[in-house]
């Protein structure tokens, strides 16, 4: 059954290296917790807050993790006053046979309180 798997992380700064590190950390944790492989993932959407515009986070999942067959989209998160800055969110649509495990890392752990 297709299920949505969510996650978020904050980046240290608006740099290619910081966004790469955060995107790979978040995506790797989601893969491990949910036993994902590229074959069971249909779609991945990253959103970033307006203060992160140095690079697309999906680039690193394709480039560093080798996920070249999956459909990716990167969008800017809706700006809301006093929202969490420097935040990368992800929604993965995957065919899994268990309840999804969501992952919220670094400053994004505050989103689940």
PDB file of N, CA and C in Angstrom:
ATOM      1  N   UNK A   1       0.848  -1.174   0.000  1.00  0.00           N
ATOM      2  CA  UNK A   1       0.000   0.000   0.000  1.00  0.00           C
ATOM      3  C   UNK A   1       0.895   1.239   0.000  1.00  0.00           C
ATOM      4  N   UNK A   2       0.522   2.250  -0.787  1.00  0.00           N
ATOM      5  CA  UNK A   2       1.281   3.498  -0.806  1.00  0.00           C
ATOM      6  C   UNK A   2       0.992   4.296   0.456  1.00  0.00           C
ATOM      7  N   UNK A   3       2.079   4.752   1.080  1.00  0.00           N
ATOM      8  CA  UNK A   3       1.955   5.556   2.302  1.00  0.00           C
ATOM      9  C   UNK A   3       2.888   6.745   2.225  1.00  0.00           C
ATOM     10  N   UNK A   4       2.490   7.833   2.869  1.00  0.00           N
ATOM     11  CA  UNK A   4       3.326   9.024   2.952  1.00  0.00           C
ATOM     12  C   UNK A   4       4.215   8.946   4.183  1.00  0.00           C
ATOM     13  N   UNK A   5       5.483   9.210   3.974  1.00  0.00           N
ATOM     14  CA  UNK A   5       6.459   9.186   5.062  1.00  0.00           C
ATOM     15  C   UNK A   5       7.062  10.580   5.155  1.00  0.00           C
ATOM     16  N   UNK A   6       6.949  11.187   6.329  1.00  0.00           N
ATOM     17  CA  UNK A   6       7.401  12.568   6.503  1.00  0.00           C
ATOM     18  C   UNK A   6       8.660  12.632   7.332  1.00  0.00           C
ATOM     19  N   UNK A   7       9.380  13.732   7.117  1.00  0.00           N
ATOM     20  CA  UNK A   7      10.557  13.995   7.920  1.00  0.00           C
ATOM     21  C   UNK A   7      10.995  15.427   7.756  1.00  0.00           C
ATOM     22  N   UNK A   8      11.838  15.879   8.668  1.00  0.00           N
ATOM     23  CA  UNK A   8      12.366  17.241   8.595  1.00  0.00           C
ATOM     24  C   UNK A   8      13.667  17.321   9.370  1.00  0.00           C
ATOM     25  N   UNK A   9      14.463  18.304   8.996  1.00  0.00           N
ATOM     26  CA  UNK A   9      15.745  18.566   9.644  1.00  0.00           C
ATOM     27  C   UNK A   9      16.069  20.041   9.444  1.00  0.00           C
ATOM     28  N   UNK A  10      16.868  20.594  10.310  1.00  0.00           N
ATOM     29  CA  UNK A  10      17.349  21.951  10.086  1.00  0.00           C
ATOM     30  C   UNK A  10      18.785  21.888   9.585  1.00  0.00           C
ATOM     31  N   UNK A  11      19.108  22.818   8.701  1.00  0.00           N
ATOM     32  CA  UNK A  11      20.471  22.962   8.202  1.00  0.00           C
ATOM     33  C   UNK A  11      21.198  23.989   9.062  1.00  0.00           C
ATOM     34  N   UNK A  12      22.506  23.874   9.128  1.00  0.00           N
ATOM     35  CA  UNK A  12      23.310  24.811   9.922  1.00  0.00           C
ATOM     36  C   UNK A  12      23.406  26.183   9.261  1.00  0.00           C
ATOM     37  N   UNK A  13      23.444  26.191   7.908  1.00  0.00           N
ATOM     38  CA  UNK A  13      23.591  27.448   7.184  1.00  0.00           C
ATOM     39  C   UNK A  13      23.087  27.266   5.757  1.00  0.00           C
ATOM     40  N   UNK A  14      22.984  28.368   5.046  1.00  0.00           N
ATOM     41  CA  UNK A  14      22.523  28.357   3.667  1.00  0.00           C
ATOM     42  C   UNK A  14      23.711  28.166   2.723  1.00  0.00           C
ATOM     43  N   UNK A  15      24.344  26.999   2.836  1.00  0.00           N
ATOM     44  CA  UNK A  15      25.473  26.670   1.966  1.00  0.00           C
ATOM     45  C   UNK A  15      25.226  25.307   1.338  1.00  0.00           C
ATOM     46  N   UNK A  16      25.891  25.059   0.236  1.00  0.00           N
ATOM     47  CA  UNK A  16      25.772  23.765  -0.427  1.00  0.00           C
ATOM     48  C   UNK A  16      26.147  22.632   0.519  1.00  0.00           C
ATOM     49  N   UNK A  17      27.269  22.783   1.229  1.00  0.00           N
ATOM     50  CA  UNK A  17      27.716  21.717   2.132  1.00  0.00           C
ATOM     51  C   UNK A  17      26.736  21.455   3.263  1.00  0.00           C
ATOM     52  N   UNK A  18      26.191  22.502   3.846  1.00  0.00           N
ATOM     53  CA  UNK A  18      25.262  22.339   4.960  1.00  0.00           C
ATOM     54  C   UNK A  18      23.951  21.694   4.504  1.00  0.00           C
ATOM     55  N   UNK A  19      23.444  22.121   3.362  1.00  0.00           N
ATOM     56  CA  UNK A  19      22.205  21.549   2.838  1.00  0.00           C
ATOM     57  C   UNK A  19      22.437  20.102   2.423  1.00  0.00           C
ATOM     58  N   UNK A  20      23.580  19.810   1.819  1.00  0.00           N
ATOM     59  CA  UNK A  20      23.925  18.422   1.452  1.00  0.00           C
ATOM     60  C   UNK A  20      23.942  17.541   2.694  1.00  0.00           C
ATOM     61  N   UNK A  21      24.658  17.978   3.717  1.00  0.00           N
ATOM     62  CA  UNK A  21      24.777  17.188   4.948  1.00  0.00           C
ATOM     63  C   UNK A  21      23.409  16.902   5.562  1.00  0.00           C
ATOM     64  N   UNK A  22      22.577  17.938   5.648  1.00  0.00           N
ATOM     65  CA  UNK A  22      21.257  17.779   6.258  1.00  0.00           C
ATOM     66  C   UNK A  22      20.357  16.871   5.419  1.00  0.00           C
ATOM     67  N   UNK A  23      20.347  17.071   4.113  1.00  0.00           N
ATOM     68  CA  UNK A  23      19.487  16.270   3.241  1.00  0.00           C
ATOM     69  C   UNK A  23      19.874  14.796   3.285  1.00  0.00           C
ATOM     70  N   UNK A  24      21.167  14.513   3.233  1.00  0.00           N
ATOM     71  CA  UNK A  24      21.632  13.123   3.261  1.00  0.00           C
ATOM     72  C   UNK A  24      21.354  12.489   4.626  1.00  0.00           C
ATOM     73  N   UNK A  25      21.595  13.228   5.712  1.00  0.00           N
ATOM     74  CA  UNK A  25      21.314  12.694   7.048  1.00  0.00           C
ATOM     75  C   UNK A  25      19.840  12.344   7.195  1.00  0.00           C
ATOM     76  N   UNK A  26      18.963  13.257   6.794  1.00  0.00           N
ATOM     77  CA  UNK A  26      17.529  13.026   6.915  1.00  0.00           C
ATOM     78  C   UNK A  26      17.075  11.858   6.041  1.00  0.00           C
ATOM     79  N   UNK A  27      17.474  11.871   4.780  1.00  0.00           N
ATOM     80  CA  UNK A  27      17.018  10.838   3.863  1.00  0.00           C
ATOM     81  C   UNK A  27      17.537   9.456   4.266  1.00  0.00           C
ATOM     82  N   UNK A  28      18.777   9.390   4.680  1.00  0.00           N
ATOM     83  CA  UNK A  28      19.365   8.110   5.115  1.00  0.00           C
ATOM     84  C   UNK A  28      18.623   7.557   6.325  1.00  0.00           C
ATOM     85  N   UNK A  29      18.292   8.421   7.265  1.00  0.00           N
ATOM     86  CA  UNK A  29      17.556   7.983   8.460  1.00  0.00           C
ATOM     87  C   UNK A  29      16.160   7.472   8.074  1.00  0.00           C
ATOM     88  N   UNK A  30      15.502   8.155   7.146  1.00  0.00           N
ATOM     89  CA  UNK A  30      14.186   7.701   6.695  1.00  0.00           C
ATOM     90  C   UNK A  30      14.277   6.360   5.968  1.00  0.00           C
ATOM     91  N   UNK A  31      15.305   6.183   5.153  1.00  0.00           N
ATOM     92  CA  UNK A  31      15.517   4.908   4.458  1.00  0.00           C
ATOM     93  C   UNK A  31      15.687   3.781   5.475  1.00  0.00           C
ATOM     94  N   UNK A  32      16.544   4.006   6.453  1.00  0.00           N
ATOM     95  CA  UNK A  32      16.836   2.966   7.446  1.00  0.00           C
ATOM     96  C   UNK A  32      15.626   2.635   8.310  1.00  0.00           C
ATOM     97  N   UNK A  33      14.926   3.638   8.807  1.00  0.00           N
ATOM     98  CA  UNK A  33      13.791   3.392   9.709  1.00  0.00           C
ATOM     99  C   UNK A  33      12.608   2.730   9.008  1.00  0.00           C
ATOM    100  N   UNK A  34      12.489   2.976   7.690  1.00  0.00           N
ATOM    101  CA  UNK A  34      11.325   2.486   6.962  1.00  0.00           C
ATOM    102  C   UNK A  34      11.655   1.378   5.953  1.00  0.00           C
ATOM    103  N   UNK A  35      12.881   0.887   5.999  1.00  0.00           N
ATOM    104  CA  UNK A  35      13.331  -0.181   5.088  1.00  0.00           C
ATOM    105  C   UNK A  35      13.013   0.152   3.629  1.00  0.00           C
ATOM    106  N   UNK A  36      13.378   1.358   3.234  1.00  0.00           N
ATOM    107  CA  UNK A  36      13.084   1.820   1.882  1.00  0.00           C
ATOM    108  C   UNK A  36      14.206   1.478   0.919  1.00  0.00           C
ATOM    109  N   UNK A  37      13.800   1.227  -0.310  1.00  0.00           N
ATOM    110  CA  UNK A  37      14.741   1.126  -1.419  1.00  0.00           C
ATOM    111  C   UNK A  37      14.138   1.941  -2.557  1.00  0.00           C
ATOM    112  N   UNK A  38      14.945   2.255  -3.520  1.00  0.00           N
ATOM    113  CA  UNK A  38      14.430   3.063  -4.622  1.00  0.00           C
ATOM    114  C   UNK A  38      13.270   2.360  -5.334  1.00  0.00           C
ATOM    115  N   UNK A  39      13.271   1.059  -5.335  1.00  0.00           N
ATOM    116  CA  UNK A  39      12.225   0.295  -6.014  1.00  0.00           C
ATOM    117  C   UNK A  39      10.843   0.468  -5.387  1.00  0.00           C
ATOM    118  N   UNK A  40      10.776   0.741  -4.077  1.00  0.00           N
ATOM    119  CA  UNK A  40       9.450   0.884  -3.471  1.00  0.00           C
ATOM    120  C   UNK A  40       9.057   2.341  -3.212  1.00  0.00           C
ATOM    121  N   UNK A  41       9.837   3.283  -3.724  1.00  0.00           N
ATOM    122  CA  UNK A  41       9.516   4.707  -3.580  1.00  0.00           C
ATOM    123  C   UNK A  41       9.008   5.242  -4.912  1.00  0.00           C
ATOM    124  N   UNK A  42       7.831   5.876  -4.881  1.00  0.00           N
ATOM    125  CA  UNK A  42       7.226   6.427  -6.096  1.00  0.00           C
ATOM    126  C   UNK A  42       7.605   7.876  -6.332  1.00  0.00           C
ATOM    127  N   UNK A  43       7.721   8.642  -5.243  1.00  0.00           N
ATOM    128  CA  UNK A  43       7.845  10.086  -5.390  1.00  0.00           C
ATOM    129  C   UNK A  43       8.447  10.653  -4.112  1.00  0.00           C
ATOM    130  N   UNK A  44       9.292  11.673  -4.265  1.00  0.00           N
ATOM    131  CA  UNK A  44       9.883  12.368  -3.118  1.00  0.00           C
ATOM    132  C   UNK A  44       9.759  13.875  -3.352  1.00  0.00           C
ATOM    133  N   UNK A  45       9.207  14.560  -2.364  1.00  0.00           N
ATOM    134  CA  UNK A  45       9.119  16.022  -2.447  1.00  0.00           C
ATOM    135  C   UNK A  45       9.846  16.645  -1.263  1.00  0.00           C
ATOM    136  N   UNK A  46      10.815  17.479  -1.565  1.00  0.00           N
ATOM    137  CA  UNK A  46      11.500  18.274  -0.557  1.00  0.00           C
ATOM    138  C   UNK A  46      10.913  19.671  -0.565  1.00  0.00           C
ATOM    139  N   UNK A  47      10.737  20.241   0.608  1.00  0.00           N
ATOM    140  CA  UNK A  47      10.426  21.669   0.703  1.00  0.00           C
ATOM    141  C   UNK A  47      11.447  22.285   1.641  1.00  0.00           C
ATOM    142  N   UNK A  48      11.772  23.544   1.360  1.00  0.00           N
ATOM    143  CA  UNK A  48      12.742  24.265   2.179  1.00  0.00           C
ATOM    144  C   UNK A  48      12.170  25.626   2.536  1.00  0.00           C
ATOM    145  N   UNK A  49      12.569  26.124   3.686  1.00  0.00           N
ATOM    146  CA  UNK A  49      12.154  27.468   4.071  1.00  0.00           C
ATOM    147  C   UNK A  49      12.874  28.483   3.189  1.00  0.00           C
ATOM    148  N   UNK A  50      12.332  29.689   3.124  1.00  0.00           N
ATOM    149  CA  UNK A  50      12.829  30.690   2.162  1.00  0.00           C
ATOM    150  C   UNK A  50      14.277  31.100   2.404  1.00  0.00           C
ATOM    151  N   UNK A  51      14.821  30.807   3.577  1.00  0.00           N
ATOM    152  CA  UNK A  51      16.208  31.165   3.867  1.00  0.00           C
ATOM    153  C   UNK A  51      17.211  30.127   3.366  1.00  0.00           C
ATOM    154  N   UNK A  52      16.731  29.050   2.744  1.00  0.00           N
ATOM    155  CA  UNK A  52      17.610  28.029   2.161  1.00  0.00           C
ATOM    156  C   UNK A  52      17.427  28.038   0.641  1.00  0.00           C
ATOM    157  N   UNK A  53      18.328  28.710  -0.037  1.00  0.00           N
ATOM    158  CA  UNK A  53      18.211  28.815  -1.485  1.00  0.00           C
ATOM    159  C   UNK A  53      19.530  28.583  -2.222  1.00  0.00           C
ATOM    160  N   UNK A  54      20.499  27.971  -1.556  1.00  0.00           N
ATOM    161  CA  UNK A  54      21.817  27.750  -2.170  1.00  0.00           C
ATOM    162  C   UNK A  54      21.814  26.593  -3.161  1.00  0.00           C
ATOM    163  N   UNK A  55      20.955  25.593  -2.934  1.00  0.00           N
ATOM    164  CA  UNK A  55      20.970  24.392  -3.764  1.00  0.00           C
ATOM    165  C   UNK A  55      19.707  23.572  -3.494  1.00  0.00           C
ATOM    166  N   UNK A  56      19.344  22.722  -4.442  1.00  0.00           N
ATOM    167  CA  UNK A  56      18.219  21.814  -4.266  1.00  0.00           C
ATOM    168  C   UNK A  56      18.649  20.592  -3.451  1.00  0.00           C
ATOM    169  N   UNK A  57      17.955  20.255  -2.374  1.00  0.00           N
ATOM    170  CA  UNK A  57      18.364  19.094  -1.572  1.00  0.00           C
ATOM    171  C   UNK A  57      18.245  17.758  -2.308  1.00  0.00           C
ATOM    172  N   UNK A  58      17.310  17.623  -3.230  1.00  0.00           N
ATOM    173  CA  UNK A  58      17.151  16.356  -3.957  1.00  0.00           C
ATOM    174  C   UNK A  58      18.385  16.017  -4.779  1.00  0.00           C
ATOM    175  N   UNK A  59      19.134  17.022  -5.170  1.00  0.00           N
ATOM    176  CA  UNK A  59      20.351  16.798  -5.957  1.00  0.00           C
ATOM    177  C   UNK A  59      21.266  15.781  -5.291  1.00  0.00           C
ATOM    178  N   UNK A  60      21.369  15.852  -3.979  1.00  0.00           N
ATOM    179  CA  UNK A  60      22.318  15.007  -3.256  1.00  0.00           C
ATOM    180  C   UNK A  60      21.813  13.583  -3.068  1.00  0.00           C
ATOM    181  N   UNK A  61      20.499  13.404  -3.010  1.00  0.00           N
ATOM    182  CA  UNK A  61      19.962  12.049  -2.941  1.00  0.00           C
ATOM    183  C   UNK A  61      20.240  11.349  -4.275  1.00  0.00           C
ATOM    184  N   UNK A  62      20.043  12.065  -5.364  1.00  0.00           N
ATOM    185  CA  UNK A  62      20.354  11.498  -6.684  1.00  0.00           C
ATOM    186  C   UNK A  62      21.853  11.278  -6.839  1.00  0.00           C
ATOM    187  N   UNK A  63      22.632  12.297  -6.522  1.00  0.00           N
ATOM    188  CA  UNK A  63      24.078  12.281  -6.762  1.00  0.00           C
ATOM    189  C   UNK A  63      24.835  11.391  -5.773  1.00  0.00           C
ATOM    190  N   UNK A  64      24.630  11.591  -4.484  1.00  0.00           N
ATOM    191  CA  UNK A  64      25.421  10.902  -3.457  1.00  0.00           C
ATOM    192  C   UNK A  64      24.882   9.511  -3.115  1.00  0.00           C
ATOM    193  N   UNK A  65      23.561   9.345  -3.176  1.00  0.00           N
ATOM    194  CA  UNK A  65      22.970   8.054  -2.830  1.00  0.00           C
ATOM    195  C   UNK A  65      22.604   7.230  -4.062  1.00  0.00           C
ATOM    196  N   UNK A  66      22.714   7.826  -5.238  1.00  0.00           N
ATOM    197  CA  UNK A  66      22.490   7.090  -6.470  1.00  0.00           C
ATOM    198  C   UNK A  66      21.046   6.826  -6.844  1.00  0.00           C
ATOM    199  N   UNK A  67      20.124   7.615  -6.304  1.00  0.00           N
ATOM    200  CA  UNK A  67      18.708   7.425  -6.617  1.00  0.00           C
ATOM    201  C   UNK A  67      18.373   8.193  -7.902  1.00  0.00           C
ATOM    202  N   UNK A  68      18.597   7.574  -9.043  1.00  0.00           N
ATOM    203  CA  UNK A  68      18.396   8.256 -10.315  1.00  0.00           C
ATOM    204  C   UNK A  68      17.079   7.958 -11.012  1.00  0.00           C
ATOM    205  N   UNK A  69      16.290   7.011 -10.501  1.00  0.00           N
ATOM    206  CA  UNK A  69      15.049   6.608 -11.165  1.00  0.00           C
ATOM    207  C   UNK A  69      13.796   7.204 -10.518  1.00  0.00           C
ATOM    208  N   UNK A  70      13.930   7.741  -9.333  1.00  0.00           N
ATOM    209  CA  UNK A  70      12.790   8.242  -8.569  1.00  0.00           C
ATOM    210  C   UNK A  70      12.442   9.668  -8.991  1.00  0.00           C
ATOM    211  N   UNK A  71      11.159   9.975  -8.981  1.00  0.00           N
ATOM    212  CA  UNK A  71      10.699  11.336  -9.271  1.00  0.00           C
ATOM    213  C   UNK A  71      10.907  12.207  -8.033  1.00  0.00           C
ATOM    214  N   UNK A  72      11.632  13.311  -8.201  1.00  0.00           N
ATOM    215  CA  UNK A  72      11.892  14.262  -7.125  1.00  0.00           C
ATOM    216  C   UNK A  72      11.332  15.630  -7.485  1.00  0.00           C
ATOM    217  N   UNK A  73      10.934  16.363  -6.471  1.00  0.00           N
ATOM    218  CA  UNK A  73      10.511  17.743  -6.649  1.00  0.00           C
ATOM    219  C   UNK A  73      11.014  18.522  -5.443  1.00  0.00           C
ATOM    220  N   UNK A  74      11.500  19.737  -5.690  1.00  0.00           N
ATOM    221  CA  UNK A  74      11.908  20.637  -4.605  1.00  0.00           C
ATOM    222  C   UNK A  74      11.086  21.908  -4.714  1.00  0.00           C
ATOM    223  N   UNK A  75      10.488  22.324  -3.604  1.00  0.00           N
ATOM    224  CA  UNK A  75       9.643  23.517  -3.577  1.00  0.00           C
ATOM    225  C   UNK A  75       9.995  24.366  -2.358  1.00  0.00           C
ATOM    226  N   UNK A  76       9.584  25.629  -2.426  1.00  0.00           N
ATOM    227  CA  UNK A  76       9.772  26.492  -1.263  1.00  0.00           C
ATOM    228  C   UNK A  76       8.567  26.344  -0.343  1.00  0.00           C
ATOM    229  N   UNK A  77       8.862  26.152   0.936  1.00  0.00           N
ATOM    230  CA  UNK A  77       7.829  26.021   1.965  1.00  0.00           C
ATOM    231  C   UNK A  77       7.051  27.333   2.087  1.00  0.00           C
ATOM    232  N   UNK A  78       5.768  27.247   2.342  1.00  0.00           N
ATOM    233  CA  UNK A  78       4.971  28.430   2.610  1.00  0.00           C
ATOM    234  C   UNK A  78       5.568  29.180   3.803  1.00  0.00           C
ATOM    235  N   UNK A  79       5.730  30.491   3.672  1.00  0.00           N
ATOM    236  CA  UNK A  79       6.294  31.264   4.776  1.00  0.00           C
ATOM    237  C   UNK A  79       5.198  31.600   5.791  1.00  0.00           C
ATOM    238  N   UNK A  80       5.445  31.251   7.034  1.00  0.00           N
ATOM    239  CA  UNK A  80       4.538  31.554   8.131  1.00  0.00           C
ATOM    240  C   UNK A  80       5.350  32.302   9.188  1.00  0.00           C
ATOM    241  N   UNK A  81       4.805  33.400   9.699  1.00  0.00           N
ATOM    242  CA  UNK A  81       5.509  34.174  10.724  1.00  0.00           C
ATOM    243  C   UNK A  81       5.950  33.273  11.872  1.00  0.00           C
ATOM    244  N   UNK A  82       7.156  33.503  12.337  1.00  0.00           N
ATOM    245  CA  UNK A  82       7.732  32.790  13.478  1.00  0.00           C
ATOM    246  C   UNK A  82       7.884  31.285  13.266  1.00  0.00           C
ATOM    247  N   UNK A  83       7.913  30.858  12.005  1.00  0.00           N
ATOM    248  CA  UNK A  83       8.112  29.431  11.752  1.00  0.00           C
ATOM    249  C   UNK A  83       9.583  29.066  11.896  1.00  0.00           C
ATOM    250  N   UNK A  84       9.845  27.791  11.963  1.00  0.00           N
ATOM    251  CA  UNK A  84      11.196  27.278  12.147  1.00  0.00           C
ATOM    252  C   UNK A  84      12.067  27.648  10.943  1.00  0.00           C
ATOM    253  N   UNK A  85      13.163  28.352  11.166  1.00  0.00           N
ATOM    254  CA  UNK A  85      14.043  28.727  10.047  1.00  0.00           C
ATOM    255  C   UNK A  85      14.971  27.579   9.648  1.00  0.00           C
ATOM    256  N   UNK A  86      15.559  27.706   8.455  1.00  0.00           N
ATOM    257  CA  UNK A  86      16.595  26.784   7.952  1.00  0.00           C
ATOM    258  C   UNK A  86      16.109  25.335   7.953  1.00  0.00           C
ATOM    259  N   UNK A  87      14.852  25.140   7.598  1.00  0.00           N
ATOM    260  CA  UNK A  87      14.242  23.815   7.703  1.00  0.00           C
ATOM    261  C   UNK A  87      14.055  23.158   6.326  1.00  0.00           C
ATOM    262  N   UNK A  88      14.457  21.907   6.261  1.00  0.00           N
ATOM    263  CA  UNK A  88      14.234  21.058   5.088  1.00  0.00           C
ATOM    264  C   UNK A  88      13.212  20.009   5.496  1.00  0.00           C
ATOM    265  N   UNK A  89      12.120  19.936   4.753  1.00  0.00           N
ATOM    266  CA  UNK A  89      11.105  18.921   5.001  1.00  0.00           C
ATOM    267  C   UNK A  89      11.071  17.973   3.807  1.00  0.00           C
ATOM    268  N   UNK A  90      10.621  16.767   4.039  1.00  0.00           N
ATOM    269  CA  UNK A  90      10.504  15.812   2.942  1.00  0.00           C
ATOM    270  C   UNK A  90       9.235  14.987   3.116  1.00  0.00           C
ATOM    271  N   UNK A  91       8.626  14.655   1.991  1.00  0.00           N
ATOM    272  CA  UNK A  91       7.496  13.729   1.944  1.00  0.00           C
ATOM    273  C   UNK A  91       7.860  12.670   0.917  1.00  0.00           C
ATOM    274  N   UNK A  92       7.873  11.426   1.372  1.00  0.00           N
ATOM    275  CA  UNK A  92       8.183  10.294   0.510  1.00  0.00           C
ATOM    276  C   UNK A  92       6.908   9.472   0.349  1.00  0.00           C
ATOM    277  N   UNK A  93       6.547   9.188  -0.885  1.00  0.00           N
ATOM    278  CA  UNK A  93       5.414   8.316  -1.159  1.00  0.00           C
ATOM    279  C   UNK A  93       5.985   6.948  -1.526  1.00  0.00           C
ATOM    280  N   UNK A  94       5.721   5.948  -0.668  1.00  0.00           N
ATOM    281  CA  UNK A  94       6.348   4.636  -0.844  1.00  0.00           C
ATOM    282  C   UNK A  94       5.359   3.513  -0.604  1.00  0.00           C
ATOM    283  N   UNK A  95       5.632   2.394  -1.240  1.00  0.00           N
ATOM    284  CA  UNK A  95       4.853   1.179  -1.053  1.00  0.00           C
ATOM    285  C   UNK A  95       5.496   0.380   0.081  1.00  0.00           C
ATOM    286  N   UNK A  96       4.912   0.489   1.275  1.00  0.00           N
ATOM    287  CA  UNK A  96       5.437  -0.242   2.434  1.00  0.00           C
ATOM    288  C   UNK A  96       4.288  -0.952   3.143  1.00  0.00           C
ATOM    289  N   UNK A  97       4.625  -2.024   3.837  1.00  0.00           N
ATOM    290  CA  UNK A  97       3.621  -2.854   4.506  1.00  0.00           C
ATOM    291  C   UNK A  97       3.627  -2.667   6.011  1.00  0.00           C
ATOM    292  N   UNK A  98       3.972  -1.499   6.472  1.00  0.00           N
ATOM    293  CA  UNK A  98       3.967  -1.221   7.912  1.00  0.00           C
ATOM    294  C   UNK A  98       3.624   0.250   8.111  1.00  0.00           C
ATOM    295  N   UNK A  99       3.389   0.608   9.346  1.00  0.00           N
ATOM    296  CA  UNK A  99       3.151   2.015   9.637  1.00  0.00           C
ATOM    297  C   UNK A  99       4.442   2.796   9.416  1.00  0.00           C
ATOM    298  N   UNK A 100       4.378   3.907   8.727  1.00  0.00           N
ATOM    299  CA  UNK A 100       5.600   4.672   8.481  1.00  0.00           C
ATOM    300  C   UNK A 100       6.176   5.251   9.767  1.00  0.00           C
ATOM    301  N   UNK A 101       7.498   5.332   9.802  1.00  0.00           N
ATOM    302  CA  UNK A 101       8.185   5.982  10.920  1.00  0.00           C
ATOM    303  C   UNK A 101       8.695   7.326  10.428  1.00  0.00           C
ATOM    304  N   UNK A 102       8.172   8.377  11.017  1.00  0.00           N
ATOM    305  CA  UNK A 102       8.584   9.725  10.645  1.00  0.00           C
ATOM    306  C   UNK A 102       9.869  10.079  11.388  1.00  0.00           C
ATOM    307  N   UNK A 103      10.639  10.996  10.816  1.00  0.00           N
ATOM    308  CA  UNK A 103      11.926  11.376  11.380  1.00  0.00           C
ATOM    309  C   UNK A 103      12.026  12.891  11.439  1.00  0.00           C
ATOM    310  N   UNK A 104      12.297  13.409  12.621  1.00  0.00           N
ATOM    311  CA  UNK A 104      12.494  14.846  12.822  1.00  0.00           C
ATOM    312  C   UNK A 104      13.799  15.039  13.572  1.00  0.00           C
ATOM    313  N   UNK A 105      14.776  15.656  12.903  1.00  0.00           N
ATOM    314  CA  UNK A 105      16.128  15.766  13.437  1.00  0.00           C
ATOM    315  C   UNK A 105      16.535  17.217  13.700  1.00  0.00           C
ATOM    316  N   UNK A 106      17.499  17.355  14.577  1.00  0.00           N
ATOM    317  CA  UNK A 106      18.065  18.661  14.969  1.00  0.00           C
ATOM    318  C   UNK A 106      16.932  19.590  15.397  1.00  0.00           C
ATOM    319  N   UNK A 107      16.927  20.815  14.952  1.00  0.00           N
ATOM    320  CA  UNK A 107      15.904  21.774  15.373  1.00  0.00           C
ATOM    321  C   UNK A 107      14.503  21.389  14.961  1.00  0.00           C
ATOM    322  N   UNK A 108      14.380  20.561  13.938  1.00  0.00           N
ATOM    323  CA  UNK A 108      13.054  20.145  13.462  1.00  0.00           C
ATOM    324  C   UNK A 108      12.350  19.228  14.460  1.00  0.00           C
ATOM    325  N   UNK A 109      13.064  18.715  15.441  1.00  0.00           N
ATOM    326  CA  UNK A 109      12.396  17.884  16.460  1.00  0.00           C
ATOM    327  C   UNK A 109      11.352  18.706  17.215  1.00  0.00           C
ATOM    328  N   UNK A 110      11.496  20.021  17.229  1.00  0.00           N
ATOM    329  CA  UNK A 110      10.507  20.896  17.869  1.00  0.00           C
ATOM    330  C   UNK A 110       9.165  20.868  17.150  1.00  0.00           C
ATOM    331  N   UNK A 111       9.152  20.471  15.890  1.00  0.00           N
ATOM    332  CA  UNK A 111       7.903  20.429  15.122  1.00  0.00           C
ATOM    333  C   UNK A 111       6.955  19.360  15.644  1.00  0.00           C
ATOM    334  N   UNK A 112       7.442  18.386  16.359  1.00  0.00           N
ATOM    335  CA  UNK A 112       6.604  17.292  16.858  1.00  0.00           C
ATOM    336  C   UNK A 112       6.203  17.473  18.305  1.00  0.00           C
ATOM    337  N   UNK A 113       6.493  18.610  18.899  1.00  0.00           N
ATOM    338  CA  UNK A 113       6.132  18.853  20.317  1.00  0.00           C
ATOM    339  C   UNK A 113       4.776  19.505  20.424  1.00  0.00           C
TER     340      UNK A 113
END
